[in-house]
PDB file of N, CA and C in Angstrom:
ATOM      1  N   MET A   1      87.465 176.249  10.889  1.00  0.00           N
ATOM      2  CA  MET A   1      88.803 176.284  11.230  1.00  0.00           C
ATOM      3  C   MET A   1      89.742 174.881  10.642  1.00  0.00           C
ATOM      4  N   ASN A   2      90.763 175.419  10.061  1.00  0.00           N
ATOM      5  CA  ASN A   2      91.695 174.348   9.466  1.00  0.00           C
ATOM      6  C   ASN A   2      92.826 173.870  10.628  1.00  0.00           C
ATOM      7  N   LEU A   3      92.541 172.434  11.002  1.00  0.00           N
ATOM      8  CA  LEU A   3      93.279 171.728  12.066  1.00  0.00           C
ATOM      9  C   LEU A   3      94.498 170.912  11.351  1.00  0.00           C
ATOM     10  N   LEU A   4      95.602 170.844  11.776  1.00  0.00           N
ATOM     11  CA  LEU A   4      96.739 170.161  11.527  1.00  0.00           C
ATOM     12  C   LEU A   4      97.016 169.307  12.536  1.00  0.00           C
ATOM     13  N   LEU A   5      96.769 167.922  12.404  1.00  0.00           N
ATOM     14  CA  LEU A   5      96.817 166.949  13.417  1.00  0.00           C
ATOM     15  C   LEU A   5      98.557 166.377  13.560  1.00  0.00           C
ATOM     16  N   ASN A   6      98.908 166.765  14.738  1.00  0.00           N
ATOM     17  CA  ASN A   6     100.356 166.276  15.155  1.00  0.00           C
ATOM     18  C   ASN A   6     100.227 164.640  14.855  1.00  0.00           C
ATOM     19  N   THR A   7     101.641 163.972  14.802  1.00  0.00           N
ATOM     20  CA  THR A   7     101.705 162.735  14.544  1.00  0.00           C
ATOM     21  C   THR A   7     100.911 161.872  15.689  1.00  0.00           C
ATOM     22  N   HIS A   8     101.286 162.221  16.938  1.00  0.00           N
ATOM     23  CA  HIS A   8     100.811 161.315  17.938  1.00  0.00           C
ATOM     24  C   HIS A   8      99.057 161.315  17.784  1.00  0.00           C
ATOM     25  N   THR A   9      98.447 162.620  17.735  1.00  0.00           N
ATOM     26  CA  THR A   9      97.286 162.786  17.569  1.00  0.00           C
ATOM     27  C   THR A   9      96.504 161.916  16.480  1.00  0.00           C
ATOM     28  N   LEU A  10      97.173 161.825  15.297  1.00  0.00           N
ATOM     29  CA  LEU A  10      96.662 161.094  14.242  1.00  0.00           C
ATOM     30  C   LEU A  10      96.619 159.651  14.787  1.00  0.00           C
ATOM     31  N   ILE A  11      97.745 159.024  15.520  1.00  0.00           N
ATOM     32  CA  ILE A  11      97.672 157.817  16.030  1.00  0.00           C
ATOM     33  C   ILE A  11      96.815 157.428  16.908  1.00  0.00           C
ATOM     34  N   TRP A  12      96.766 158.429  17.959  1.00  0.00           N
ATOM     35  CA  TRP A  12      95.613 158.328  18.768  1.00  0.00           C
ATOM     36  C   TRP A  12      94.338 158.115  18.374  1.00  0.00           C
ATOM     37  N   LEU A  13      93.974 159.037  17.266  1.00  0.00           N
ATOM     38  CA  LEU A  13      92.571 158.917  16.895  1.00  0.00           C
ATOM     39  C   LEU A  13      92.267 157.808  16.042  1.00  0.00           C
ATOM     40  N   LEU A  14      93.065 157.291  15.061  1.00  0.00           N
ATOM     41  CA  LEU A  14      92.938 155.972  14.413  1.00  0.00           C
ATOM     42  C   LEU A  14      92.807 154.876  15.279  1.00  0.00           C
ATOM     43  N   GLU A  15      93.774 154.882  16.472  1.00  0.00           N
ATOM     44  CA  GLU A  15      93.733 153.679  17.182  1.00  0.00           C
ATOM     45  C   GLU A  15      92.531 153.472  18.282  1.00  0.00           C
ATOM     46  N   GLY A  16      91.916 154.736  18.511  1.00  0.00           N
ATOM     47  CA  GLY A  16      91.101 154.978  19.703  1.00  0.00           C
ATOM     48  C   GLY A  16      91.760 155.104  20.742  1.00  0.00           C
ATOM     49  N   ASP A  17      92.761 155.583  21.066  1.00  0.00           N
ATOM     50  CA  ASP A  17      93.591 155.552  22.233  1.00  0.00           C
ATOM     51  C   ASP A  17      93.008 156.670  23.124  1.00  0.00           C
ATOM     52  N   GLU A  18      92.930 156.543  24.288  1.00  0.00           N
ATOM     53  CA  GLU A  18      92.291 157.272  25.519  1.00  0.00           C
ATOM     54  C   GLU A  18      93.159 158.647  25.825  1.00  0.00           C
ATOM     55  N   ASN A  19      94.283 158.613  25.071  1.00  0.00           N
ATOM     56  CA  ASN A  19      95.157 159.685  25.370  1.00  0.00           C
ATOM     57  C   ASN A  19      94.699 160.957  24.652  1.00  0.00           C
ATOM     58  N   LEU A  20      94.066 160.756  23.617  1.00  0.00           N
ATOM     59  CA  LEU A  20      93.401 161.909  22.824  1.00  0.00           C
ATOM     60  C   LEU A  20      92.286 162.375  23.712  1.00  0.00           C
ATOM     61  N   SER A  21      92.328 163.593  23.916  1.00  0.00           N
ATOM     62  CA  SER A  21      91.438 164.361  24.819  1.00  0.00           C
ATOM     63  C   SER A  21      90.061 164.629  24.199  1.00  0.00           C
ATOM     64  N   PRO A  22      89.263 164.603  25.176  1.00  0.00           N
ATOM     65  CA  PRO A  22      87.840 164.859  24.619  1.00  0.00           C
ATOM     66  C   PRO A  22      87.531 166.046  23.735  1.00  0.00           C
ATOM     67  N   ASN A  23      88.563 167.365  24.261  1.00  0.00           N
ATOM     68  CA  ASN A  23      88.460 168.408  23.659  1.00  0.00           C
ATOM     69  C   ASN A  23      88.999 168.420  22.134  1.00  0.00           C
ATOM     70  N   ALA A  24      90.038 167.767  21.879  1.00  0.00           N
ATOM     71  CA  ALA A  24      90.583 167.602  20.555  1.00  0.00           C
ATOM     72  C   ALA A  24      89.674 166.491  19.698  1.00  0.00           C
ATOM     73  N   LEU A  25      89.278 165.231  20.205  1.00  0.00           N
ATOM     74  CA  LEU A  25      88.331 164.744  19.609  1.00  0.00           C
ATOM     75  C   LEU A  25      86.990 165.475  19.095  1.00  0.00           C
ATOM     76  N   THR A  26      86.535 166.160  19.879  1.00  0.00           N
ATOM     77  CA  THR A  26      85.500 167.118  19.544  1.00  0.00           C
ATOM     78  C   THR A  26      85.936 168.059  18.268  1.00  0.00           C
ATOM     79  N   ALA A  27      86.908 168.644  18.563  1.00  0.00           N
ATOM     80  CA  ALA A  27      87.401 169.680  17.290  1.00  0.00           C
ATOM     81  C   ALA A  27      87.633 168.855  16.061  1.00  0.00           C
ATOM     82  N   ILE A  28      88.181 167.580  16.263  1.00  0.00           N
ATOM     83  CA  ILE A  28      88.348 167.015  14.914  1.00  0.00           C
ATOM     84  C   ILE A  28      87.173 166.188  14.388  1.00  0.00           C
ATOM     85  N   GLN A  29      86.011 165.950  15.139  1.00  0.00           N
ATOM     86  CA  GLN A  29      84.740 165.643  14.576  1.00  0.00           C
ATOM     87  C   GLN A  29      83.771 166.669  14.390  1.00  0.00           C
ATOM     88  N   ASN A  30      84.207 167.984  14.699  1.00  0.00           N
ATOM     89  CA  ASN A  30      83.205 169.029  14.280  1.00  0.00           C
ATOM     90  C   ASN A  30      83.312 169.263  12.789  1.00  0.00           C
ATOM     91  N   PRO A  31      82.067 169.065  12.134  1.00  0.00           N
ATOM     92  CA  PRO A  31      81.952 169.286  10.737  1.00  0.00           C
ATOM     93  C   PRO A  31      82.436 170.675  10.350  1.00  0.00           C
ATOM     94  N   ALA A  32      82.469 171.601  11.278  1.00  0.00           N
ATOM     95  CA  ALA A  32      82.898 172.946  10.570  1.00  0.00           C
ATOM     96  C   ALA A  32      84.327 173.187  10.477  1.00  0.00           C
ATOM     97  N   ASN A  33      85.081 172.167  11.058  1.00  0.00           N
ATOM     98  CA  ASN A  33      86.639 172.129  10.836  1.00  0.00           C
ATOM     99  C   ASN A  33      86.916 171.002   9.795  1.00  0.00           C
ATOM    100  N   THR A  34      88.355 171.577   9.003  1.00  0.00           N
ATOM    101  CA  THR A  34      88.950 170.743   8.123  1.00  0.00           C
ATOM    102  C   THR A  34      90.114 170.093   8.649  1.00  0.00           C
ATOM    103  N   CYS A  35      90.263 168.905   8.432  1.00  0.00           N
ATOM    104  CA  CYS A  35      91.356 168.244   9.369  1.00  0.00           C
ATOM    105  C   CYS A  35      92.537 167.915   8.279  1.00  0.00           C
ATOM    106  N   TYR A  36      93.798 168.043   8.623  1.00  0.00           N
ATOM    107  CA  TYR A  36      94.774 167.604   7.884  1.00  0.00           C
ATOM    108  C   TYR A  36      95.850 167.084   8.660  1.00  0.00           C
ATOM    109  N   VAL A  37      96.630 166.207   7.932  1.00  0.00           N
ATOM    110  CA  VAL A  37      97.920 165.589   8.577  1.00  0.00           C
ATOM    111  C   VAL A  37      99.015 165.801   7.537  1.00  0.00           C
ATOM    112  N   SER A  38     100.067 166.171   8.310  1.00  0.00           N
ATOM    113  CA  SER A  38     101.183 166.368   7.325  1.00  0.00           C
ATOM    114  C   SER A  38     101.810 165.083   6.941  1.00  0.00           C
ATOM    115  N   SER A  39     102.315 165.244   5.553  1.00  0.00           N
ATOM    116  CA  SER A  39     102.920 163.926   4.753  1.00  0.00           C
ATOM    117  C   SER A  39     104.269 163.639   5.678  1.00  0.00           C
ATOM    118  N   ALA A  40     104.805 164.692   6.434  1.00  0.00           N
ATOM    119  CA  ALA A  40     105.724 164.272   7.397  1.00  0.00           C
ATOM    120  C   ALA A  40     105.606 163.374   8.486  1.00  0.00           C
ATOM    121  N   SER A  41     104.247 163.369   8.873  1.00  0.00           N
ATOM    122  CA  SER A  41     103.996 162.437  10.010  1.00  0.00           C
ATOM    123  C   SER A  41     103.909 161.189   9.689  1.00  0.00           C
ATOM    124  N   LEU A  42     103.432 161.034   7.982  1.00  0.00           N
ATOM    125  CA  LEU A  42     103.426 159.727   7.747  1.00  0.00           C
ATOM    126  C   LEU A  42     104.756 158.777   7.495  1.00  0.00           C
ATOM    127  N   TRP A  43     106.036 160.121   7.085  1.00  0.00           N
ATOM    128  CA  TRP A  43     107.091 159.385   7.020  1.00  0.00           C
ATOM    129  C   TRP A  43     107.705 159.260   8.499  1.00  0.00           C
ATOM    130  N   GLU A  44     107.229 160.360   9.295  1.00  0.00           N
ATOM    131  CA  GLU A  44     107.702 159.713  10.793  1.00  0.00           C
ATOM    132  C   GLU A  44     107.275 158.392  11.295  1.00  0.00           C
ATOM    133  N   ILE A  45     106.058 158.143  11.266  1.00  0.00           N
ATOM    134  CA  ILE A  45     105.508 156.765  11.416  1.00  0.00           C
ATOM    135  C   ILE A  45     106.389 155.846  10.746  1.00  0.00           C
ATOM    136  N   ALA A  46     106.505 155.829   9.523  1.00  0.00           N
ATOM    137  CA  ALA A  46     107.318 154.881   8.676  1.00  0.00           C
ATOM    138  C   ALA A  46     108.599 154.438   9.332  1.00  0.00           C
ATOM    139  N   ILE A  47     109.250 155.634   9.592  1.00  0.00           N
ATOM    140  CA  ILE A  47     110.886 155.591  10.028  1.00  0.00           C
ATOM    141  C   ILE A  47     110.611 154.717  11.443  1.00  0.00           C
ATOM    142  N   LYS A  48     109.603 155.259  12.411  1.00  0.00           N
ATOM    143  CA  LYS A  48     109.776 154.810  13.810  1.00  0.00           C
ATOM    144  C   LYS A  48     109.157 153.275  13.551  1.00  0.00           C
ATOM    145  N   ILE A  49     108.243 152.955  12.835  1.00  0.00           N
ATOM    146  CA  ILE A  49     107.863 151.523  12.725  1.00  0.00           C
ATOM    147  C   ILE A  49     109.139 150.468  12.130  1.00  0.00           C
ATOM    148  N   SER A  50     110.018 151.172  11.345  1.00  0.00           N
ATOM    149  CA  SER A  50     111.072 150.579  10.595  1.00  0.00           C
ATOM    150  C   SER A  50     112.102 150.216  11.676  1.00  0.00           C
ATOM    151  N   ILE A  51     112.234 151.147  12.754  1.00  0.00           N
ATOM    152  CA  ILE A  51     113.380 151.050  13.398  1.00  0.00           C
ATOM    153  C   ILE A  51     112.761 150.474  14.779  1.00  0.00           C
ATOM    154  N   SER A  52     111.638 150.029  14.895  1.00  0.00           N
ATOM    155  CA  SER A  52     110.882 149.303  16.145  1.00  0.00           C
ATOM    156  C   SER A  52     110.877 150.362  17.322  1.00  0.00           C
ATOM    157  N   LYS A  53     110.636 151.531  17.193  1.00  0.00           N
ATOM    158  CA  LYS A  53     110.254 152.461  17.933  1.00  0.00           C
ATOM    159  C   LYS A  53     109.020 152.928  18.301  1.00  0.00           C
ATOM    160  N   LEU A  54     108.147 152.400  17.259  1.00  0.00           N
ATOM    161  CA  LEU A  54     106.660 152.488  17.409  1.00  0.00           C
ATOM    162  C   LEU A  54     106.080 151.257  16.924  1.00  0.00           C
ATOM    163  N   VAL A  55     105.096 150.829  17.815  1.00  0.00           N
ATOM    164  CA  VAL A  55     104.287 149.510  17.278  1.00  0.00           C
ATOM    165  C   VAL A  55     102.804 150.150  17.539  1.00  0.00           C
ATOM    166  N   MET A  56     102.263 149.876  16.120  1.00  0.00           N
ATOM    167  CA  MET A  56     100.804 150.283  15.998  1.00  0.00           C
ATOM    168  C   MET A  56      99.688 148.968  16.026  1.00  0.00           C
ATOM    169  N   THR A  57      98.775 149.237  16.217  1.00  0.00           N
ATOM    170  CA  THR A  57      97.723 148.165  16.392  1.00  0.00           C
ATOM    171  C   THR A  57      97.131 147.784  14.985  1.00  0.00           C
ATOM    172  N   ILE A  58      97.089 149.116  14.101  1.00  0.00           N
ATOM    173  CA  ILE A  58      96.686 148.872  12.801  1.00  0.00           C
ATOM    174  C   ILE A  58      97.821 148.977  11.911  1.00  0.00           C
ATOM    175  N   PRO A  59      97.893 148.002  10.660  1.00  0.00           N
ATOM    176  CA  PRO A  59      98.867 147.969   9.724  1.00  0.00           C
ATOM    177  C   PRO A  59      99.193 149.296   8.992  1.00  0.00           C
ATOM    178  N   PHE A  60     100.355 149.711   8.953  1.00  0.00           N
ATOM    179  CA  PHE A  60     100.689 150.933   8.199  1.00  0.00           C
ATOM    180  C   PHE A  60      99.973 151.107   6.759  1.00  0.00           C
ATOM    181  N   GLN A  61     100.206 150.211   6.128  1.00  0.00           N
ATOM    182  CA  GLN A  61      99.676 150.062   4.778  1.00  0.00           C
ATOM    183  C   GLN A  61      97.923 150.505   4.795  1.00  0.00           C
ATOM    184  N   GLU A  62      97.271 150.659   5.987  1.00  0.00           N
ATOM    185  CA  GLU A  62      95.841 150.913   6.006  1.00  0.00           C
ATOM    186  C   GLU A  62      95.629 152.378   6.576  1.00  0.00           C
ATOM    187  N   LEU A  63      96.961 153.156   6.763  1.00  0.00           N
ATOM    188  CA  LEU A  63      96.884 154.473   6.950  1.00  0.00           C
ATOM    189  C   LEU A  63      96.158 155.424   5.832  1.00  0.00           C
ATOM    190  N   PRO A  64      96.465 155.187   4.832  1.00  0.00           N
ATOM    191  CA  PRO A  64      95.713 156.158   3.540  1.00  0.00           C
ATOM    192  C   PRO A  64      94.394 155.983   3.477  1.00  0.00           C
ATOM    193  N   ARG A  65      93.740 154.672   3.914  1.00  0.00           N
ATOM    194  CA  ARG A  65      92.437 154.514   3.949  1.00  0.00           C
ATOM    195  C   ARG A  65      91.670 154.981   5.012  1.00  0.00           C
ATOM    196  N   LEU A  66      92.305 154.508   6.294  1.00  0.00           N
ATOM    197  CA  LEU A  66      91.826 155.173   7.474  1.00  0.00           C
ATOM    198  C   LEU A  66      91.900 156.673   7.594  1.00  0.00           C
ATOM    199  N   ILE A  67      92.612 157.300   7.095  1.00  0.00           N
ATOM    200  CA  ILE A  67      92.948 158.853   7.160  1.00  0.00           C
ATOM    201  C   ILE A  67      91.595 159.401   6.067  1.00  0.00           C
ATOM    202  N   TRP A  68      91.537 158.888   4.975  1.00  0.00           N
ATOM    203  CA  TRP A  68      90.371 159.000   4.083  1.00  0.00           C
ATOM    204  C   TRP A  68      88.945 158.825   4.697  1.00  0.00           C
ATOM    205  N   GLU A  69      88.842 157.869   5.351  1.00  0.00           N
ATOM    206  CA  GLU A  69      87.622 157.408   6.086  1.00  0.00           C
ATOM    207  C   GLU A  69      87.153 158.407   7.109  1.00  0.00           C
ATOM    208  N   ASN A  70      88.281 158.917   7.931  1.00  0.00           N
ATOM    209  CA  ASN A  70      88.075 159.822   9.010  1.00  0.00           C
ATOM    210  C   ASN A  70      87.977 161.405   8.437  1.00  0.00           C
ATOM    211  N   GLY A  71      88.068 161.569   7.057  1.00  0.00           N
ATOM    212  CA  GLY A  71      87.717 162.899   6.545  1.00  0.00           C
ATOM    213  C   GLY A  71      89.111 163.791   6.835  1.00  0.00           C
ATOM    214  N   ILE A  72      90.081 163.155   6.879  1.00  0.00           N
ATOM    215  CA  ILE A  72      91.360 163.914   7.025  1.00  0.00           C
ATOM    216  C   ILE A  72      92.125 164.024   5.750  1.00  0.00           C
ATOM    217  N   GLU A  73      92.637 165.279   5.421  1.00  0.00           N
ATOM    218  CA  GLU A  73      93.482 165.417   4.201  1.00  0.00           C
ATOM    219  C   GLU A  73      94.992 165.390   4.301  1.00  0.00           C
ATOM    220  N   ILE A  74      95.817 164.951   3.496  1.00  0.00           N
ATOM    221  CA  ILE A  74      96.974 164.860   3.520  1.00  0.00           C
ATOM    222  C   ILE A  74      97.671 166.092   3.121  1.00  0.00           C
ATOM    223  N   LEU A  75      98.546 166.671   3.977  1.00  0.00           N
ATOM    224  CA  LEU A  75      98.999 168.063   3.492  1.00  0.00           C
ATOM    225  C   LEU A  75     100.583 167.812   2.888  1.00  0.00           C
ATOM    226  N   PRO A  76     100.818 167.898   1.655  1.00  0.00           N
ATOM    227  CA  PRO A  76     102.119 167.491   1.368  1.00  0.00           C
ATOM    228  C   PRO A  76     103.153 168.782   1.708  1.00  0.00           C
ATOM    229  N   ALA A  77     104.439 168.486   1.974  1.00  0.00           N
ATOM    230  CA  ALA A  77     105.259 169.407   2.360  1.00  0.00           C
ATOM    231  C   ALA A  77     105.731 170.098   1.228  1.00  0.00           C
ATOM    232  N   GLU A  78     106.016 171.525   1.095  1.00  0.00           N
ATOM    233  CA  GLU A  78     106.139 172.193  -0.085  1.00  0.00           C
ATOM    234  C   GLU A  78     107.269 173.061   0.209  1.00  0.00           C
ATOM    235  N   PHE A  79     108.021 173.574  -0.814  1.00  0.00           N
ATOM    236  CA  PHE A  79     108.871 174.700  -0.421  1.00  0.00           C
ATOM    237  C   PHE A  79     108.702 175.691   0.558  1.00  0.00           C
ATOM    238  N   GLU A  80     107.632 176.325   0.338  1.00  0.00           N
ATOM    239  CA  GLU A  80     107.217 177.487   1.428  1.00  0.00           C
ATOM    240  C   GLU A  80     107.097 176.981   2.851  1.00  0.00           C
ATOM    241  N   HIS A  81     107.258 175.803   3.047  1.00  0.00           N
ATOM    242  CA  HIS A  81     107.227 175.112   4.318  1.00  0.00           C
ATOM    243  C   HIS A  81     108.404 175.113   4.874  1.00  0.00           C
ATOM    244  N   PHE A  82     109.272 174.562   4.210  1.00  0.00           N
ATOM    245  CA  PHE A  82     110.832 174.396   4.129  1.00  0.00           C
ATOM    246  C   PHE A  82     111.275 175.892   4.581  1.00  0.00           C
ATOM    247  N   LEU A  83     111.010 176.640   3.630  1.00  0.00           N
ATOM    248  CA  LEU A  83     111.295 178.057   4.041  1.00  0.00           C
ATOM    249  C   LEU A  83     111.080 178.551   5.436  1.00  0.00           C
ATOM    250  N   LYS A  84     109.964 178.366   5.752  1.00  0.00           N
ATOM    251  CA  LYS A  84     109.584 178.595   7.245  1.00  0.00           C
ATOM    252  C   LYS A  84     110.377 177.853   8.156  1.00  0.00           C
ATOM    253  N   VAL A  85     110.730 176.696   7.866  1.00  0.00           N
ATOM    254  CA  VAL A  85     111.546 176.071   8.998  1.00  0.00           C
ATOM    255  C   VAL A  85     112.872 176.819   9.052  1.00  0.00           C
ATOM    256  N   SER A  86     113.346 177.228   8.028  1.00  0.00           N
ATOM    257  CA  SER A  86     114.580 177.856   8.083  1.00  0.00           C
ATOM    258  C   SER A  86     114.673 179.106   8.995  1.00  0.00           C
ATOM    259  N   THR A  87     113.487 179.549   9.446  1.00  0.00           N
ATOM    260  CA  THR A  87     113.539 180.662  10.207  1.00  0.00           C
ATOM    261  C   THR A  87     112.684 180.451  11.533  1.00  0.00           C
ATOM    262  N   LEU A  88     112.359 179.257  11.932  1.00  0.00           N
ATOM    263  CA  LEU A  88     111.859 179.141  13.111  1.00  0.00           C
ATOM    264  C   LEU A  88     112.992 179.010  14.235  1.00  0.00           C
ATOM    265  N   PRO A  89     112.592 179.542  15.443  1.00  0.00           N
ATOM    266  CA  PRO A  89     113.593 179.532  16.523  1.00  0.00           C
ATOM    267  C   PRO A  89     113.713 177.995  16.881  1.00  0.00           C
ATOM    268  N   PHE A  90     114.742 177.444  17.642  1.00  0.00           N
ATOM    269  CA  PHE A  90     114.726 176.110  18.020  1.00  0.00           C
ATOM    270  C   PHE A  90     114.393 175.790  19.662  1.00  0.00           C
ATOM    271  N   HIS A  91     113.144 176.158  19.626  1.00  0.00           N
ATOM    272  CA  HIS A  91     112.288 175.679  20.639  1.00  0.00           C
ATOM    273  C   HIS A  91     112.188 174.202  20.669  1.00  0.00           C
ATOM    274  N   HIS A  92     112.182 173.614  19.416  1.00  0.00           N
ATOM    275  CA  HIS A  92     111.943 171.986  19.406  1.00  0.00           C
ATOM    276  C   HIS A  92     113.111 171.683  18.242  1.00  0.00           C
ATOM    277  N   LYS A  93     114.071 170.599  18.343  1.00  0.00           N
ATOM    278  CA  LYS A  93     114.751 170.289  17.484  1.00  0.00           C
ATOM    279  C   LYS A  93     114.404 169.007  16.653  1.00  0.00           C
ATOM    280  N   ASP A  94     113.378 168.578  17.124  1.00  0.00           N
ATOM    281  CA  ASP A  94     112.605 167.570  16.053  1.00  0.00           C
ATOM    282  C   ASP A  94     112.558 167.959  14.691  1.00  0.00           C
ATOM    283  N   PRO A  95     113.236 167.237  13.748  1.00  0.00           N
ATOM    284  CA  PRO A  95     112.567 167.804  12.468  1.00  0.00           C
ATOM    285  C   PRO A  95     111.352 167.590  11.891  1.00  0.00           C
ATOM    286  N   PHE A  96     110.815 166.567  12.410  1.00  0.00           N
ATOM    287  CA  PHE A  96     109.479 166.249  11.880  1.00  0.00           C
ATOM    288  C   PHE A  96     108.360 167.281  12.848  1.00  0.00           C
ATOM    289  N   ASP A  97     108.619 167.715  13.966  1.00  0.00           N
ATOM    290  CA  ASP A  97     107.625 168.758  14.897  1.00  0.00           C
ATOM    291  C   ASP A  97     108.159 170.001  14.169  1.00  0.00           C
ATOM    292  N   ARG A  98     109.233 170.339  13.682  1.00  0.00           N
ATOM    293  CA  ARG A  98     109.749 171.577  13.128  1.00  0.00           C
ATOM    294  C   ARG A  98     108.798 171.734  11.690  1.00  0.00           C
ATOM    295  N   ILE A  99     108.788 170.942  10.780  1.00  0.00           N
ATOM    296  CA  ILE A  99     108.109 171.012   9.709  1.00  0.00           C
ATOM    297  C   ILE A  99     106.506 171.071   9.893  1.00  0.00           C
ATOM    298  N   ILE A 100     106.089 170.273  10.832  1.00  0.00           N
ATOM    299  CA  ILE A 100     104.690 170.483  11.130  1.00  0.00           C
ATOM    300  C   ILE A 100     104.286 171.895  11.721  1.00  0.00           C
ATOM    301  N   ILE A 101     105.225 172.607  12.543  1.00  0.00           N
ATOM    302  CA  ILE A 101     105.202 173.777  12.966  1.00  0.00           C
ATOM    303  C   ILE A 101     105.055 174.733  11.792  1.00  0.00           C
ATOM    304  N   ALA A 102     106.003 174.609  11.020  1.00  0.00           N
ATOM    305  CA  ALA A 102     106.205 175.359   9.915  1.00  0.00           C
ATOM    306  C   ALA A 102     105.003 175.470   8.863  1.00  0.00           C
ATOM    307  N   GLN A 103     104.458 174.274   8.741  1.00  0.00           N
ATOM    308  CA  GLN A 103     103.338 173.997   7.911  1.00  0.00           C
ATOM    309  C   GLN A 103     102.113 174.658   8.479  1.00  0.00           C
ATOM    310  N   SER A 104     101.920 174.578   9.935  1.00  0.00           N
ATOM    311  CA  SER A 104     100.807 175.327  10.548  1.00  0.00           C
ATOM    312  C   SER A 104     100.802 176.987  10.536  1.00  0.00           C
ATOM    313  N   PHE A 105     101.997 177.353  10.453  1.00  0.00           N
ATOM    314  CA  PHE A 105     102.177 178.799  10.411  1.00  0.00           C
ATOM    315  C   PHE A 105     101.818 179.359   8.852  1.00  0.00           C
ATOM    316  N   VAL A 106     102.438 178.670   7.990  1.00  0.00           N
ATOM    317  CA  VAL A 106     102.136 179.136   6.495  1.00  0.00           C
ATOM    318  C   VAL A 106     100.802 178.841   6.003  1.00  0.00           C
ATOM    319  N   GLU A 107     100.480 177.818   6.567  1.00  0.00           N
ATOM    320  CA  GLU A 107      98.773 177.431   6.131  1.00  0.00           C
ATOM    321  C   GLU A 107      97.636 178.159   7.094  1.00  0.00           C
ATOM    322  N   GLN A 108      98.216 178.799   8.105  1.00  0.00           N
ATOM    323  CA  GLN A 108      97.514 179.164   8.948  1.00  0.00           C
ATOM    324  C   GLN A 108      96.392 178.119   9.494  1.00  0.00           C
ATOM    325  N   MET A 109      97.025 177.322  10.281  1.00  0.00           N
ATOM    326  CA  MET A 109      96.231 176.131  10.800  1.00  0.00           C
ATOM    327  C   MET A 109      96.694 175.803  12.061  1.00  0.00           C
ATOM    328  N   GLU A 110      95.649 175.393  12.909  1.00  0.00           N
ATOM    329  CA  GLU A 110      96.030 175.335  14.285  1.00  0.00           C
ATOM    330  C   GLU A 110      96.433 173.802  14.423  1.00  0.00           C
ATOM    331  N   ILE A 111      97.237 173.505  15.250  1.00  0.00           N
ATOM    332  CA  ILE A 111      97.930 172.150  15.622  1.00  0.00           C
ATOM    333  C   ILE A 111      97.066 171.727  16.731  1.00  0.00           C
ATOM    334  N   VAL A 112      96.743 170.358  16.285  1.00  0.00           N
ATOM    335  CA  VAL A 112      96.055 169.483  17.409  1.00  0.00           C
ATOM    336  C   VAL A 112      97.106 168.549  18.079  1.00  0.00           C
ATOM    337  N   GLY A 113      97.409 168.761  19.279  1.00  0.00           N
ATOM    338  CA  GLY A 113      98.570 167.640  19.899  1.00  0.00           C
ATOM    339  C   GLY A 113      98.881 168.238  21.405  1.00  0.00           C
ATOM    340  N   LYS A 114      99.733 167.328  21.677  1.00  0.00           N
ATOM    341  CA  LYS A 114     100.082 167.473  23.218  1.00  0.00           C
ATOM    342  C   LYS A 114     101.621 167.838  23.282  1.00  0.00           C
ATOM    343  N   ASP A 115     102.066 168.933  23.098  1.00  0.00           N
ATOM    344  CA  ASP A 115     103.360 169.162  23.151  1.00  0.00           C
ATOM    345  C   ASP A 115     103.695 170.446  23.729  1.00  0.00           C
ATOM    346  N   GLU A 116     104.582 170.619  24.581  1.00  0.00           N
ATOM    347  CA  GLU A 116     104.839 171.878  25.546  1.00  0.00           C
ATOM    348  C   GLU A 116     105.454 172.780  24.670  1.00  0.00           C
ATOM    349  N   HIS A 117     106.031 172.436  23.348  1.00  0.00           N
ATOM    350  CA  HIS A 117     106.843 173.181  22.729  1.00  0.00           C
ATOM    351  C   HIS A 117     106.107 173.877  21.349  1.00  0.00           C
ATOM    352  N   PHE A 118     104.684 173.175  21.429  1.00  0.00           N
ATOM    353  CA  PHE A 118     104.084 173.997  20.393  1.00  0.00           C
ATOM    354  C   PHE A 118     102.754 174.803  20.827  1.00  0.00           C
ATOM    355  N   ILE A 119     102.296 175.647  20.125  1.00  0.00           N
ATOM    356  CA  ILE A 119     101.123 176.316  20.474  1.00  0.00           C
ATOM    357  C   ILE A 119      99.950 175.661  19.862  1.00  0.00           C
ATOM    358  N   CYS A 120      99.317 174.840  20.600  1.00  0.00           N
ATOM    359  CA  CYS A 120      98.490 174.083  19.922  1.00  0.00           C
ATOM    360  C   CYS A 120      96.980 173.662  20.778  1.00  0.00           C
ATOM    361  N   MET A 121      96.060 173.381  20.149  1.00  0.00           N
ATOM    362  CA  MET A 121      94.785 172.933  20.760  1.00  0.00           C
ATOM    363  C   MET A 121      95.125 171.638  21.348  1.00  0.00           C
ATOM    364  N   ASP A 122      94.478 171.395  22.482  1.00  0.00           N
ATOM    365  CA  ASP A 122      94.460 169.931  23.234  1.00  0.00           C
ATOM    366  C   ASP A 122      92.968 169.550  23.475  1.00  0.00           C
TER     367      ASP A 122
END
């Protein structure tokens, strides 16, 4: 199964945060699954760090290495994803969440995260 990690899921995984549920961790670590993170998540993290809305225990510049070491692939945002965003209902207004949702639809991935506005695995 292809899994798309929501932004908070990526942070919790890389920082060893106990907010990451055992079910999510098991799915991420299952070798039968391929895990992805949206390039939009990296953009979201960068923005939140720059406006002091997010403090991480790991340096931002270490993210690419840590993502790679955890076997996660970065999913670039493509035109097809933006096209899907233009047709999504407004259950969620956050632009980062909207592109992640659109990518999950287009790429047929299950989102791993905790958000009542997502249909996702927790």
